[in-house]
């Protein structure tokens, strides 16, 4: 299981993050966001 968790680390983190984003209503499709770290400034 440790190896499996390592292989699917990004997938698990992405799933947990997507749930938190949805539950906390942090970002919706169509939102204008600015994310300087990734050079993003526009609509989701």
ModelCIF file with pLDDT and N, C-alpha, C, O atoms, coordinates in Angstrom:
data_MODEL
#
_entry.id   MODEL 
#
_entity.id                         1 
_entity.type                       polymer 
_entity.pdbx_number_of_molecules   1 
#
_entity_poly.entity_id                      1 
_entity_poly.type                           'polypeptide(L)' 
_entity_poly.nstd_linkage                   no 
_entity_poly.nstd_monomer                   no 
_entity_poly.pdbx_seq_one_letter_code       
;(UNK)(UNK)(UNK)(UNK)(UNK)(UNK)(UNK)(UNK)(UNK)(UNK)(UNK)(UNK)(UNK)(UNK)(UNK)(UNK)
(UNK)(UNK)(UNK)(UNK)(UNK)(UNK)(UNK)(UNK)(UNK)(UNK)(UNK)(UNK)(UNK)(UNK)(UNK)(UNK)
(UNK)(UNK)(UNK)(UNK)(UNK)(UNK)(UNK)(UNK)(UNK)(UNK)(UNK)(UNK)
;
_entity_poly.pdbx_seq_one_letter_code_can   XXXXXXXXXXXXXXXXXXXXXXXXXXXXXXXXXXXXXXXXXXXX 
_entity_poly.pdbx_strand_id                 A 
#
loop_
_entity_poly_seq.entity_id 
_entity_poly_seq.num 
_entity_poly_seq.mon_id 
_entity_poly_seq.hetero 
1 1  UNK n 
1 2  UNK n 
1 3  UNK n 
1 4  UNK n 
1 5  UNK n 
1 6  UNK n 
1 7  UNK n 
1 8  UNK n 
1 9  UNK n 
1 10 UNK n 
1 11 UNK n 
1 12 UNK n 
1 13 UNK n 
1 14 UNK n 
1 15 UNK n 
1 16 UNK n 
1 17 UNK n 
1 18 UNK n 
1 19 UNK n 
1 20 UNK n 
1 21 UNK n 
1 22 UNK n 
1 23 UNK n 
1 24 UNK n 
1 25 UNK n 
1 26 UNK n 
1 27 UNK n 
1 28 UNK n 
1 29 UNK n 
1 30 UNK n 
1 31 UNK n 
1 32 UNK n 
1 33 UNK n 
1 34 UNK n 
1 35 UNK n 
1 36 UNK n 
1 37 UNK n 
1 38 UNK n 
1 39 UNK n 
1 40 UNK n 
1 41 UNK n 
1 42 UNK n 
1 43 UNK n 
1 44 UNK n 
#
_struct_asym.id          A 
_struct_asym.entity_id   1 
#
loop_
_ma_qa_metric.id 
_ma_qa_metric.mode 
_ma_qa_metric.name 
_ma_qa_metric.software_group_id 
_ma_qa_metric.type 
1 global pLDDT . pLDDT 
2 local  pLDDT . pLDDT 
#
_ma_qa_metric_global.metric_id      1 
_ma_qa_metric_global.metric_value   75.98 
_ma_qa_metric_global.model_id       1 
_ma_qa_metric_global.ordinal_id     1 
#
loop_
_ma_qa_metric_local.label_asym_id 
_ma_qa_metric_local.label_comp_id 
_ma_qa_metric_local.label_seq_id 
_ma_qa_metric_local.metric_id 
_ma_qa_metric_local.metric_value 
_ma_qa_metric_local.model_id 
_ma_qa_metric_local.ordinal_id 
A UNK 1  2 61.00 1 1  
A UNK 2  2 60.00 1 2  
A UNK 3  2 64.00 1 3  
A UNK 4  2 62.00 1 4  
A UNK 5  2 63.00 1 5  
A UNK 6  2 66.00 1 6  
A UNK 7  2 64.00 1 7  
A UNK 8  2 66.00 1 8  
A UNK 9  2 70.00 1 9  
A UNK 10 2 69.00 1 10 
A UNK 11 2 69.00 1 11 
A UNK 12 2 70.00 1 12 
A UNK 13 2 74.00 1 13 
A UNK 14 2 72.00 1 14 
A UNK 15 2 70.00 1 15 
A UNK 16 2 73.00 1 16 
A UNK 17 2 75.00 1 17 
A UNK 18 2 71.00 1 18 
A UNK 19 2 67.00 1 19 
A UNK 20 2 70.00 1 20 
A UNK 21 2 72.00 1 21 
A UNK 22 2 68.00 1 22 
A UNK 23 2 62.00 1 23 
A UNK 24 2 67.00 1 24 
A UNK 25 2 70.00 1 25 
A UNK 26 2 79.00 1 26 
A UNK 27 2 84.00 1 27 
A UNK 28 2 81.00 1 28 
A UNK 29 2 82.00 1 29 
A UNK 30 2 82.00 1 30 
A UNK 31 2 85.00 1 31 
A UNK 32 2 86.00 1 32 
A UNK 33 2 90.00 1 33 
A UNK 34 2 91.00 1 34 
A UNK 35 2 90.00 1 35 
A UNK 36 2 87.00 1 36 
A UNK 37 2 88.00 1 37 
A UNK 38 2 89.00 1 38 
A UNK 39 2 88.00 1 39 
A UNK 40 2 90.00 1 40 
A UNK 41 2 89.00 1 41 
A UNK 42 2 89.00 1 42 
A UNK 43 2 89.00 1 43 
A UNK 44 2 89.00 1 44 
#
loop_
_atom_site.group_PDB 
_atom_site.id 
_atom_site.type_symbol 
_atom_site.label_atom_id 
_atom_site.label_alt_id 
_atom_site.label_comp_id 
_atom_site.label_asym_id 
_atom_site.label_entity_id 
_atom_site.label_seq_id 
_atom_site.pdbx_PDB_ins_code 
_atom_site.Cartn_x 
_atom_site.Cartn_y 
_atom_site.Cartn_z 
_atom_site.occupancy 
_atom_site.B_iso_or_equiv 
_atom_site.pdbx_formal_charge 
_atom_site.auth_seq_id 
_atom_site.auth_comp_id 
_atom_site.auth_asym_id 
_atom_site.auth_atom_id 
_atom_site.pdbx_PDB_model_num 
ATOM 1   N N  . UNK A 1 1  ? 0.817   -1.228 0.000   1.00 61.00 ? 1  UNK A N  1 
ATOM 2   C CA . UNK A 1 1  ? 0.000   0.000  0.000   1.00 61.00 ? 1  UNK A CA 1 
ATOM 3   C C  . UNK A 1 1  ? 0.841   1.264  0.000   1.00 61.00 ? 1  UNK A C  1 
ATOM 4   O O  . UNK A 1 1  ? 0.457   2.271  -0.595  1.00 61.00 ? 1  UNK A O  1 
ATOM 5   N N  . UNK A 1 2  ? 2.004   1.213  0.676   1.00 60.00 ? 2  UNK A N  1 
ATOM 6   C CA . UNK A 1 2  ? 2.877   2.400  0.711   1.00 60.00 ? 2  UNK A CA 1 
ATOM 7   C C  . UNK A 1 2  ? 3.338   2.772  -0.682  1.00 60.00 ? 2  UNK A C  1 
ATOM 8   O O  . UNK A 1 2  ? 3.379   3.948  -1.045  1.00 60.00 ? 2  UNK A O  1 
ATOM 9   N N  . UNK A 1 3  ? 3.687   1.745  -1.469  1.00 64.00 ? 3  UNK A N  1 
ATOM 10  C CA . UNK A 1 3  ? 4.121   2.001  -2.850  1.00 64.00 ? 3  UNK A CA 1 
ATOM 11  C C  . UNK A 1 3  ? 2.969   2.534  -3.679  1.00 64.00 ? 3  UNK A C  1 
ATOM 12  O O  . UNK A 1 3  ? 3.149   3.442  -4.491  1.00 64.00 ? 3  UNK A O  1 
ATOM 13  N N  . UNK A 1 4  ? 1.765   1.963  -3.473  1.00 62.00 ? 4  UNK A N  1 
ATOM 14  C CA . UNK A 1 4  ? 0.578   2.415  -4.210  1.00 62.00 ? 4  UNK A CA 1 
ATOM 15  C C  . UNK A 1 4  ? 0.262   3.867  -3.875  1.00 62.00 ? 4  UNK A C  1 
ATOM 16  O O  . UNK A 1 4  ? -0.059  4.665  -4.755  1.00 62.00 ? 4  UNK A O  1 
ATOM 17  N N  . UNK A 1 5  ? 0.357   4.200  -2.573  1.00 63.00 ? 5  UNK A N  1 
ATOM 18  C CA . UNK A 1 5  ? 0.096   5.588  -2.163  1.00 63.00 ? 5  UNK A CA 1 
ATOM 19  C C  . UNK A 1 5  ? 1.101   6.541  -2.785  1.00 63.00 ? 5  UNK A C  1 
ATOM 20  O O  . UNK A 1 5  ? 0.756   7.663  -3.152  1.00 63.00 ? 5  UNK A O  1 
ATOM 21  N N  . UNK A 1 6  ? 2.342   6.095  -2.902  1.00 66.00 ? 6  UNK A N  1 
ATOM 22  C CA . UNK A 1 6  ? 3.376   6.939  -3.512  1.00 66.00 ? 6  UNK A CA 1 
ATOM 23  C C  . UNK A 1 6  ? 3.082   7.154  -4.990  1.00 66.00 ? 6  UNK A C  1 
ATOM 24  O O  . UNK A 1 6  ? 3.241   8.259  -5.509  1.00 66.00 ? 6  UNK A O  1 
ATOM 25  N N  . UNK A 1 7  ? 2.650   6.085  -5.666  1.00 64.00 ? 7  UNK A N  1 
ATOM 26  C CA . UNK A 1 7  ? 2.362   6.184  -7.103  1.00 64.00 ? 7  UNK A CA 1 
ATOM 27  C C  . UNK A 1 7  ? 1.178   7.108  -7.356  1.00 64.00 ? 7  UNK A C  1 
ATOM 28  O O  . UNK A 1 7  ? 1.194   7.908  -8.291  1.00 64.00 ? 7  UNK A O  1 
ATOM 29  N N  . UNK A 1 8  ? 0.136   6.992  -6.507  1.00 66.00 ? 8  UNK A N  1 
ATOM 30  C CA . UNK A 1 8  ? -1.085  7.782  -6.706  1.00 66.00 ? 8  UNK A CA 1 
ATOM 31  C C  . UNK A 1 8  ? -1.125  9.010  -5.798  1.00 66.00 ? 8  UNK A C  1 
ATOM 32  O O  . UNK A 1 8  ? -2.201  9.522  -5.492  1.00 66.00 ? 8  UNK A O  1 
ATOM 33  N N  . UNK A 1 9  ? 0.043   9.480  -5.370  1.00 70.00 ? 9  UNK A N  1 
ATOM 34  C CA . UNK A 1 9  ? 0.115   10.620 -4.450  1.00 70.00 ? 9  UNK A CA 1 
ATOM 35  C C  . UNK A 1 9  ? -0.589  11.847 -5.027  1.00 70.00 ? 9  UNK A C  1 
ATOM 36  O O  . UNK A 1 9  ? -1.438  12.443 -4.363  1.00 70.00 ? 9  UNK A O  1 
ATOM 37  N N  . UNK A 1 10 ? -0.239  12.230 -6.264  1.00 69.00 ? 10 UNK A N  1 
ATOM 38  C CA . UNK A 1 10 ? -0.833  13.426 -6.878  1.00 69.00 ? 10 UNK A CA 1 
ATOM 39  C C  . UNK A 1 10 ? -2.334  13.270 -7.079  1.00 69.00 ? 10 UNK A C  1 
ATOM 40  O O  . UNK A 1 10 ? -3.100  14.217 -6.902  1.00 69.00 ? 10 UNK A O  1 
ATOM 41  N N  . UNK A 1 11 ? -2.742  12.056 -7.452  1.00 69.00 ? 11 UNK A N  1 
ATOM 42  C CA . UNK A 1 11 ? -4.171  11.810 -7.670  1.00 69.00 ? 11 UNK A CA 1 
ATOM 43  C C  . UNK A 1 11 ? -4.950  11.954 -6.363  1.00 69.00 ? 11 UNK A C  1 
ATOM 44  O O  . UNK A 1 11 ? -6.015  12.570 -6.331  1.00 69.00 ? 11 UNK A O  1 
ATOM 45  N N  . UNK A 1 12 ? -4.410  11.381 -5.288  1.00 70.00 ? 12 UNK A N  1 
ATOM 46  C CA . UNK A 1 12 ? -5.078  11.461 -3.985  1.00 70.00 ? 12 UNK A CA 1 
ATOM 47  C C  . UNK A 1 12 ? -5.130  12.904 -3.503  1.00 70.00 ? 12 UNK A C  1 
ATOM 48  O O  . UNK A 1 12 ? -6.165  13.369 -3.023  1.00 70.00 ? 12 UNK A O  1 
ATOM 49  N N  . UNK A 1 13 ? -4.002  13.615 -3.633  1.00 74.00 ? 13 UNK A N  1 
ATOM 50  C CA . UNK A 1 13 ? -3.962  15.013 -3.216  1.00 74.00 ? 13 UNK A CA 1 
ATOM 51  C C  . UNK A 1 13 ? -4.923  15.861 -4.042  1.00 74.00 ? 13 UNK A C  1 
ATOM 52  O O  . UNK A 1 13 ? -5.601  16.744 -3.517  1.00 74.00 ? 13 UNK A O  1 
ATOM 53  N N  . UNK A 1 14 ? -4.970  15.578 -5.345  1.00 72.00 ? 14 UNK A N  1 
ATOM 54  C CA . UNK A 1 14 ? -5.886  16.314 -6.217  1.00 72.00 ? 14 UNK A CA 1 
ATOM 55  C C  . UNK A 1 14 ? -7.335  16.059 -5.864  1.00 72.00 ? 14 UNK A C  1 
ATOM 56  O O  . UNK A 1 14 ? -8.158  16.975 -5.892  1.00 72.00 ? 14 UNK A O  1 
ATOM 57  N N  . UNK A 1 15 ? -7.655  14.800 -5.526  1.00 70.00 ? 15 UNK A N  1 
ATOM 58  C CA . UNK A 1 15 ? -9.031  14.460 -5.153  1.00 70.00 ? 15 UNK A CA 1 
ATOM 59  C C  . UNK A 1 15 ? -9.437  15.177 -3.868  1.00 70.00 ? 15 UNK A C  1 
ATOM 60  O O  . UNK A 1 15 ? -10.509 15.776 -3.792  1.00 70.00 ? 15 UNK A O  1 
ATOM 61  N N  . UNK A 1 16 ? -8.565  15.108 -2.856  1.00 73.00 ? 16 UNK A N  1 
ATOM 62  C CA . UNK A 1 16 ? -8.850  15.779 -1.588  1.00 73.00 ? 16 UNK A CA 1 
ATOM 63  C C  . UNK A 1 16 ? -8.992  17.278 -1.799  1.00 73.00 ? 16 UNK A C  1 
ATOM 64  O O  . UNK A 1 16 ? -9.887  17.915 -1.243  1.00 73.00 ? 16 UNK A O  1 
ATOM 65  N N  . UNK A 1 17 ? -8.088  17.840 -2.618  1.00 75.00 ? 17 UNK A N  1 
ATOM 66  C CA . UNK A 1 17 ? -8.125  19.286 -2.885  1.00 75.00 ? 17 UNK A CA 1 
ATOM 67  C C  . UNK A 1 17 ? -9.406  19.674 -3.611  1.00 75.00 ? 17 UNK A C  1 
ATOM 68  O O  . UNK A 1 17 ? -10.027 20.685 -3.280  1.00 75.00 ? 17 UNK A O  1 
ATOM 69  N N  . UNK A 1 18 ? -9.805  18.876 -4.600  1.00 71.00 ? 18 UNK A N  1 
ATOM 70  C CA . UNK A 1 18 ? -11.017 19.208 -5.359  1.00 71.00 ? 18 UNK A CA 1 
ATOM 71  C C  . UNK A 1 18 ? -12.256 19.159 -4.470  1.00 71.00 ? 18 UNK A C  1 
ATOM 72  O O  . UNK A 1 18 ? -13.183 19.949 -4.646  1.00 71.00 ? 18 UNK A O  1 
ATOM 73  N N  . UNK A 1 19 ? -12.270 18.221 -3.506  1.00 67.00 ? 19 UNK A N  1 
ATOM 74  C CA . UNK A 1 19 ? -13.387 18.168 -2.563  1.00 67.00 ? 19 UNK A CA 1 
ATOM 75  C C  . UNK A 1 19 ? -13.404 19.411 -1.680  1.00 67.00 ? 19 UNK A C  1 
ATOM 76  O O  . UNK A 1 19 ? -14.460 20.002 -1.457  1.00 67.00 ? 19 UNK A O  1 
ATOM 77  N N  . UNK A 1 20 ? -12.239 19.809 -1.178  1.00 70.00 ? 20 UNK A N  1 
ATOM 78  C CA . UNK A 1 20 ? -12.172 20.994 -0.316  1.00 70.00 ? 20 UNK A CA 1 
ATOM 79  C C  . UNK A 1 20 ? -12.528 22.255 -1.079  1.00 70.00 ? 20 UNK A C  1 
ATOM 80  O O  . UNK A 1 20 ? -13.208 23.136 -0.554  1.00 70.00 ? 20 UNK A O  1 
ATOM 81  N N  . UNK A 1 21 ? -12.065 22.341 -2.329  1.00 72.00 ? 21 UNK A N  1 
ATOM 82  C CA . UNK A 1 21 ? -12.383 23.504 -3.166  1.00 72.00 ? 21 UNK A CA 1 
ATOM 83  C C  . UNK A 1 21 ? -13.881 23.597 -3.390  1.00 72.00 ? 21 UNK A C  1 
ATOM 84  O O  . UNK A 1 21 ? -14.459 24.684 -3.356  1.00 72.00 ? 21 UNK A O  1 
ATOM 85  N N  . UNK A 1 22 ? -14.515 22.431 -3.624  1.00 68.00 ? 22 UNK A N  1 
ATOM 86  C CA . UNK A 1 22 ? -15.958 22.418 -3.872  1.00 68.00 ? 22 UNK A CA 1 
ATOM 87  C C  . UNK A 1 22 ? -16.753 22.698 -2.604  1.00 68.00 ? 22 UNK A C  1 
ATOM 88  O O  . UNK A 1 22 ? -17.682 23.506 -2.614  1.00 68.00 ? 22 UNK A O  1 
ATOM 89  N N  . UNK A 1 23 ? -16.386 22.027 -1.507  1.00 62.00 ? 23 UNK A N  1 
ATOM 90  C CA . UNK A 1 23 ? -17.137 22.185 -0.256  1.00 62.00 ? 23 UNK A CA 1 
ATOM 91  C C  . UNK A 1 23 ? -17.023 23.610 0.275   1.00 62.00 ? 23 UNK A C  1 
ATOM 92  O O  . UNK A 1 23 ? -18.012 24.194 0.717   1.00 62.00 ? 23 UNK A O  1 
ATOM 93  N N  . UNK A 1 24 ? -15.810 24.170 0.230   1.00 67.00 ? 24 UNK A N  1 
ATOM 94  C CA . UNK A 1 24 ? -15.578 25.524 0.756   1.00 67.00 ? 24 UNK A CA 1 
ATOM 95  C C  . UNK A 1 24 ? -15.892 26.614 -0.263  1.00 67.00 ? 24 UNK A C  1 
ATOM 96  O O  . UNK A 1 24 ? -15.786 27.803 0.040   1.00 67.00 ? 24 UNK A O  1 
ATOM 97  N N  . UNK A 1 25 ? -16.280 26.207 -1.476  1.00 70.00 ? 25 UNK A N  1 
ATOM 98  C CA . UNK A 1 25 ? -16.654 27.159 -2.528  1.00 70.00 ? 25 UNK A CA 1 
ATOM 99  C C  . UNK A 1 25 ? -15.525 28.173 -2.779  1.00 70.00 ? 25 UNK A C  1 
ATOM 100 O O  . UNK A 1 25 ? -15.767 29.375 -2.895  1.00 70.00 ? 25 UNK A O  1 
ATOM 101 N N  . UNK A 1 26 ? -14.299 27.665 -2.859  1.00 79.00 ? 26 UNK A N  1 
ATOM 102 C CA . UNK A 1 26 ? -13.141 28.538 -3.051  1.00 79.00 ? 26 UNK A CA 1 
ATOM 103 C C  . UNK A 1 26 ? -13.037 29.034 -4.494  1.00 79.00 ? 26 UNK A C  1 
ATOM 104 O O  . UNK A 1 26 ? -12.710 30.196 -4.737  1.00 79.00 ? 26 UNK A O  1 
ATOM 105 N N  . UNK A 1 27 ? -13.314 28.150 -5.438  1.00 84.00 ? 27 UNK A N  1 
ATOM 106 C CA . UNK A 1 27 ? -13.207 28.494 -6.860  1.00 84.00 ? 27 UNK A CA 1 
ATOM 107 C C  . UNK A 1 27 ? -14.348 27.828 -7.604  1.00 84.00 ? 27 UNK A C  1 
ATOM 108 O O  . UNK A 1 27 ? -14.695 26.679 -7.333  1.00 84.00 ? 27 UNK A O  1 
ATOM 109 N N  . UNK A 1 28 ? -14.925 28.556 -8.538  1.00 81.00 ? 28 UNK A N  1 
ATOM 110 C CA . UNK A 1 28 ? -15.949 28.007 -9.416  1.00 81.00 ? 28 UNK A CA 1 
ATOM 111 C C  . UNK A 1 28 ? -15.529 28.235 -10.858 1.00 81.00 ? 28 UNK A C  1 
ATOM 112 O O  . UNK A 1 28 ? -14.732 29.126 -11.151 1.00 81.00 ? 28 UNK A O  1 
ATOM 113 N N  . UNK A 1 29 ? -16.065 27.434 -11.740 1.00 82.00 ? 29 UNK A N  1 
ATOM 114 C CA . UNK A 1 29 ? -15.812 27.644 -13.165 1.00 82.00 ? 29 UNK A CA 1 
ATOM 115 C C  . UNK A 1 29 ? -16.412 28.994 -13.568 1.00 82.00 ? 29 UNK A C  1 
ATOM 116 O O  . UNK A 1 29 ? -17.578 29.275 -13.293 1.00 82.00 ? 29 UNK A O  1 
ATOM 117 N N  . UNK A 1 30 ? -15.605 29.811 -14.215 1.00 82.00 ? 30 UNK A N  1 
ATOM 118 C CA . UNK A 1 30 ? -16.028 31.153 -14.593 1.00 82.00 ? 30 UNK A CA 1 
ATOM 119 C C  . UNK A 1 30 ? -15.470 32.231 -13.695 1.00 82.00 ? 30 UNK A C  1 
ATOM 120 O O  . UNK A 1 30 ? -15.549 33.413 -14.028 1.00 82.00 ? 30 UNK A O  1 
ATOM 121 N N  . UNK A 1 31 ? -14.896 31.843 -12.542 1.00 85.00 ? 31 UNK A N  1 
ATOM 122 C CA . UNK A 1 31 ? -14.299 32.833 -11.636 1.00 85.00 ? 31 UNK A CA 1 
ATOM 123 C C  . UNK A 1 31 ? -13.037 33.443 -12.262 1.00 85.00 ? 31 UNK A C  1 
ATOM 124 O O  . UNK A 1 31 ? -12.288 32.776 -12.976 1.00 85.00 ? 31 UNK A O  1 
ATOM 125 N N  . UNK A 1 32 ? -12.836 34.707 -11.975 1.00 86.00 ? 32 UNK A N  1 
ATOM 126 C CA . UNK A 1 32 ? -11.589 35.374 -12.350 1.00 86.00 ? 32 UNK A CA 1 
ATOM 127 C C  . UNK A 1 32 ? -10.645 35.246 -11.164 1.00 86.00 ? 32 UNK A C  1 
ATOM 128 O O  . UNK A 1 32 ? -10.929 35.752 -10.078 1.00 86.00 ? 32 UNK A O  1 
ATOM 129 N N  . UNK A 1 33 ? -9.509  34.560 -11.376 1.00 90.00 ? 33 UNK A N  1 
ATOM 130 C CA . UNK A 1 33 ? -8.535  34.407 -10.301 1.00 90.00 ? 33 UNK A CA 1 
ATOM 131 C C  . UNK A 1 33 ? -7.172  34.921 -10.751 1.00 90.00 ? 33 UNK A C  1 
ATOM 132 O O  . UNK A 1 33 ? -6.849  34.927 -11.938 1.00 90.00 ? 33 UNK A O  1 
ATOM 133 N N  . UNK A 1 34 ? -6.386  35.350 -9.772  1.00 91.00 ? 34 UNK A N  1 
ATOM 134 C CA . UNK A 1 34 ? -5.007  35.769 -10.012 1.00 91.00 ? 34 UNK A CA 1 
ATOM 135 C C  . UNK A 1 34 ? -4.116  34.912 -9.130  1.00 91.00 ? 34 UNK A C  1 
ATOM 136 O O  . UNK A 1 34 ? -4.245  34.916 -7.906  1.00 91.00 ? 34 UNK A O  1 
ATOM 137 N N  . UNK A 1 35 ? -3.204  34.172 -9.767  1.00 90.00 ? 35 UNK A N  1 
ATOM 138 C CA . UNK A 1 35 ? -2.293  33.278 -9.060  1.00 90.00 ? 35 UNK A CA 1 
ATOM 139 C C  . UNK A 1 35 ? -0.873  33.603 -9.536  1.00 90.00 ? 35 UNK A C  1 
ATOM 140 O O  . UNK A 1 35 ? -0.383  33.051 -10.521 1.00 90.00 ? 35 UNK A O  1 
ATOM 141 N N  . UNK A 1 36 ? -0.233  34.516 -8.802  1.00 87.00 ? 36 UNK A N  1 
ATOM 142 C CA . UNK A 1 36 ? 1.060   35.035 -9.244  1.00 87.00 ? 36 UNK A CA 1 
ATOM 143 C C  . UNK A 1 36 ? 2.121   33.944 -9.342  1.00 87.00 ? 36 UNK A C  1 
ATOM 144 O O  . UNK A 1 36 ? 2.978   34.007 -10.224 1.00 87.00 ? 36 UNK A O  1 
ATOM 145 N N  . UNK A 1 37 ? 2.087   32.962 -8.475  1.00 88.00 ? 37 UNK A N  1 
ATOM 146 C CA . UNK A 1 37 ? 3.100   31.910 -8.467  1.00 88.00 ? 37 UNK A CA 1 
ATOM 147 C C  . UNK A 1 37 ? 3.144   31.165 -9.795  1.00 88.00 ? 37 UNK A C  1 
ATOM 148 O O  . UNK A 1 37 ? 4.215   30.774 -10.258 1.00 88.00 ? 37 UNK A O  1 
ATOM 149 N N  . UNK A 1 38 ? 1.979   30.969 -10.405 1.00 89.00 ? 38 UNK A N  1 
ATOM 150 C CA . UNK A 1 38 ? 1.903   30.231 -11.665 1.00 89.00 ? 38 UNK A CA 1 
ATOM 151 C C  . UNK A 1 38 ? 1.671   31.147 -12.867 1.00 89.00 ? 38 UNK A C  1 
ATOM 152 O O  . UNK A 1 38 ? 1.481   30.671 -13.986 1.00 89.00 ? 38 UNK A O  1 
ATOM 153 N N  . UNK A 1 39 ? 1.687   32.452 -12.636 1.00 88.00 ? 39 UNK A N  1 
ATOM 154 C CA . UNK A 1 39 ? 1.496   33.394 -13.735 1.00 88.00 ? 39 UNK A CA 1 
ATOM 155 C C  . UNK A 1 39 ? 0.097   33.365 -14.318 1.00 88.00 ? 39 UNK A C  1 
ATOM 156 O O  . UNK A 1 39 ? -0.091  33.635 -15.505 1.00 88.00 ? 39 UNK A O  1 
ATOM 157 N N  . UNK A 1 40 ? -0.879  33.041 -13.493 1.00 90.00 ? 40 UNK A N  1 
ATOM 158 C CA . UNK A 1 40 ? -2.267  32.942 -13.968 1.00 90.00 ? 40 UNK A CA 1 
ATOM 159 C C  . UNK A 1 40 ? -3.033  34.211 -13.605 1.00 90.00 ? 40 UNK A C  1 
ATOM 160 O O  . UNK A 1 40 ? -2.973  34.681 -12.469 1.00 90.00 ? 40 UNK A O  1 
ATOM 161 N N  . UNK A 1 41 ? -3.743  34.752 -14.571 1.00 89.00 ? 41 UNK A N  1 
ATOM 162 C CA . UNK A 1 41 ? -4.587  35.925 -14.347 1.00 89.00 ? 41 UNK A CA 1 
ATOM 163 C C  . UNK A 1 41 ? -5.692  35.894 -15.389 1.00 89.00 ? 41 UNK A C  1 
ATOM 164 O O  . UNK A 1 41 ? -5.545  36.438 -16.484 1.00 89.00 ? 41 UNK A O  1 
ATOM 165 N N  . UNK A 1 42 ? -6.804  35.250 -15.036 1.00 89.00 ? 42 UNK A N  1 
ATOM 166 C CA . UNK A 1 42 ? -7.889  35.119 -16.000 1.00 89.00 ? 42 UNK A CA 1 
ATOM 167 C C  . UNK A 1 42 ? -9.031  34.290 -15.430 1.00 89.00 ? 42 UNK A C  1 
ATOM 168 O O  . UNK A 1 42 ? -9.186  34.183 -14.214 1.00 89.00 ? 42 UNK A O  1 
ATOM 169 N N  . UNK A 1 43 ? -9.827  33.705 -16.317 1.00 89.00 ? 43 UNK A N  1 
ATOM 170 C CA . UNK A 1 43 ? -11.043 32.984 -15.924 1.00 89.00 ? 43 UNK A CA 1 
ATOM 171 C C  . UNK A 1 43 ? -10.785 31.483 -15.839 1.00 89.00 ? 43 UNK A C  1 
ATOM 172 O O  . UNK A 1 43 ? -10.102 30.908 -16.686 1.00 89.00 ? 43 UNK A O  1 
ATOM 173 N N  . UNK A 1 44 ? -11.341 30.860 -14.803 1.00 89.00 ? 44 UNK A N  1 
ATOM 174 C CA . UNK A 1 44 ? -11.251 29.408 -14.656 1.00 89.00 ? 44 UNK A CA 1 
ATOM 175 C C  . UNK A 1 44 ? -12.187 28.756 -15.671 1.00 89.00 ? 44 UNK A C  1 
ATOM 176 O O  . UNK A 1 44 ? -12.276 27.529 -15.729 1.00 89.00 ? 44 UNK A O  1 
#
